[in-house]
Amino acid sequence: MISSLSVPVSLLVWVSQPRSPMFLQELLEVLLLWRRRVVTFFLLLEASRLLLVLMFLLLLLVFPPGLLRVPELLLSFEILARLALYSLLYQ
């Protein structure tokens, strides 16, 4: 049980080696860049969900309930929202 919780020796050796200040600065910059990307991704995801709900509510106001086929409509909006999100992320 203890061996499964232990840290690999190669990782301990890598961490224990002396590093230059530039290495730590570069590591910090990389971590900050990834943090920004993750935050941007979740903000865009939340915005696309909000846009999806607003578009659906607008359609409910415009069309009478009998004319809408709700599951197919939601699926097409979800696909459009995902495509918009991916296009924003990979510009």
Protein backbone atom coordinates (compact mmCIF):
# COMPACT_ATOMS: atom_id res chain seq x y z
CA MET A 1 0.00 0.00 0.00
CA ILE A 2 2.81 2.40 0.83
CA SER A 3 4.60 1.77 -2.48
CA SER A 4 1.52 2.80 -4.48
CA LEU A 5 1.49 6.19 -2.71
CA SER A 6 5.21 6.87 -3.03
CA VAL A 7 6.58 9.44 -5.46
CA PRO A 8 8.69 8.06 -8.32
CA VAL A 9 12.43 8.41 -7.71
CA SER A 10 13.01 10.13 -11.06
CA LEU A 11 10.58 12.88 -10.08
CA LEU A 12 12.32 13.38 -6.75
CA VAL A 13 15.70 13.59 -8.50
CA TRP A 14 14.34 16.09 -11.04
CA VAL A 15 12.83 18.29 -8.31
CA SER A 16 15.93 18.17 -6.13
CA GLN A 17 18.25 19.40 -8.89
CA PRO A 18 19.16 23.10 -8.71
CA ARG A 19 17.34 25.33 -11.17
CA SER A 20 18.18 28.74 -12.53
CA PRO A 21 15.86 31.70 -11.85
CA MET A 22 15.05 31.82 -15.58
CA PHE A 23 13.70 28.27 -15.41
CA LEU A 24 11.32 29.20 -12.61
CA GLN A 25 10.24 32.34 -14.47
CA GLU A 26 9.54 30.35 -17.66
CA LEU A 27 7.64 27.74 -15.68
CA LEU A 28 5.51 30.44 -14.07
CA GLU A 29 4.79 32.01 -17.47
CA VAL A 30 3.68 28.66 -18.88
CA LEU A 31 1.41 28.02 -15.89
CA LEU A 32 -0.14 31.47 -16.19
CA LEU A 33 -0.73 30.99 -19.91
CA TRP A 34 -2.50 27.68 -19.31
CA ARG A 35 -4.57 29.22 -16.52
CA ARG A 36 -5.72 31.96 -18.88
CA ARG A 37 -6.65 29.41 -21.53
CA VAL A 38 -8.66 27.32 -19.07
CA VAL A 39 -10.50 30.38 -17.70
CA THR A 40 -11.22 31.60 -21.25
CA PHE A 41 -12.54 28.17 -22.23
CA PHE A 42 -14.99 28.03 -19.32
CA LEU A 43 -16.13 31.62 -19.87
CA LEU A 44 -16.82 30.87 -23.53
CA LEU A 45 -18.59 27.67 -22.59
CA GLU A 46 -20.86 29.52 -20.16
CA ALA A 47 -21.52 32.25 -22.74
CA SER A 48 -22.49 29.66 -25.35
CA ARG A 49 -24.91 28.03 -22.91
CA LEU A 50 -26.51 31.39 -22.17
CA LEU A 51 -26.78 32.14 -25.89
CA LEU A 52 -28.38 28.75 -26.45
CA VAL A 53 -31.03 29.41 -23.79
CA LEU A 54 -31.75 32.91 -25.12
CA MET A 55 -32.16 31.63 -28.69
CA PHE A 56 -34.52 28.91 -27.51
CA LEU A 57 -36.63 31.38 -25.52
CA LEU A 58 -36.79 33.70 -28.52
CA LEU A 59 -38.06 30.87 -30.70
CA LEU A 60 -40.67 29.98 -28.11
CA LEU A 61 -41.91 33.57 -28.26
CA VAL A 62 -41.98 33.69 -32.07
CA PHE A 63 -43.48 30.29 -32.93
CA PRO A 64 -46.61 28.72 -31.45
CA PRO A 65 -45.90 25.66 -29.29
CA GLY A 66 -47.46 23.22 -31.76
CA LEU A 67 -45.01 24.13 -34.53
CA LEU A 68 -41.84 23.50 -32.56
CA ARG A 69 -40.28 20.09 -32.25
CA VAL A 70 -38.31 20.80 -29.10
CA PRO A 71 -35.76 17.91 -28.95
CA GLU A 72 -34.59 18.40 -32.54
CA LEU A 73 -34.44 22.14 -32.07
CA LEU A 74 -32.34 21.84 -28.93
CA LEU A 75 -29.99 19.40 -30.62
CA SER A 76 -29.41 21.72 -33.58
CA PHE A 77 -28.79 24.68 -31.24
CA GLU A 78 -26.35 22.63 -29.19
CA ILE A 79 -24.42 21.68 -32.32
CA LEU A 80 -24.32 25.32 -33.47
CA ALA A 81 -23.20 26.50 -30.03
CA ARG A 82 -20.40 23.92 -29.90
CA LEU A 83 -19.20 24.85 -33.39
CA ALA A 84 -19.15 28.53 -32.41
CA LEU A 85 -17.23 27.72 -29.23
CA TYR A 86 -14.64 25.61 -31.06
CA SER A 87 -14.17 28.26 -33.72
CA LEU A 88 -13.54 30.88 -31.03
CA LEU A 89 -11.07 28.68 -29.19
CA TYR A 90 -9.02 27.65 -32.21
CA GLN A 91 -8.63 31.00 -34.00
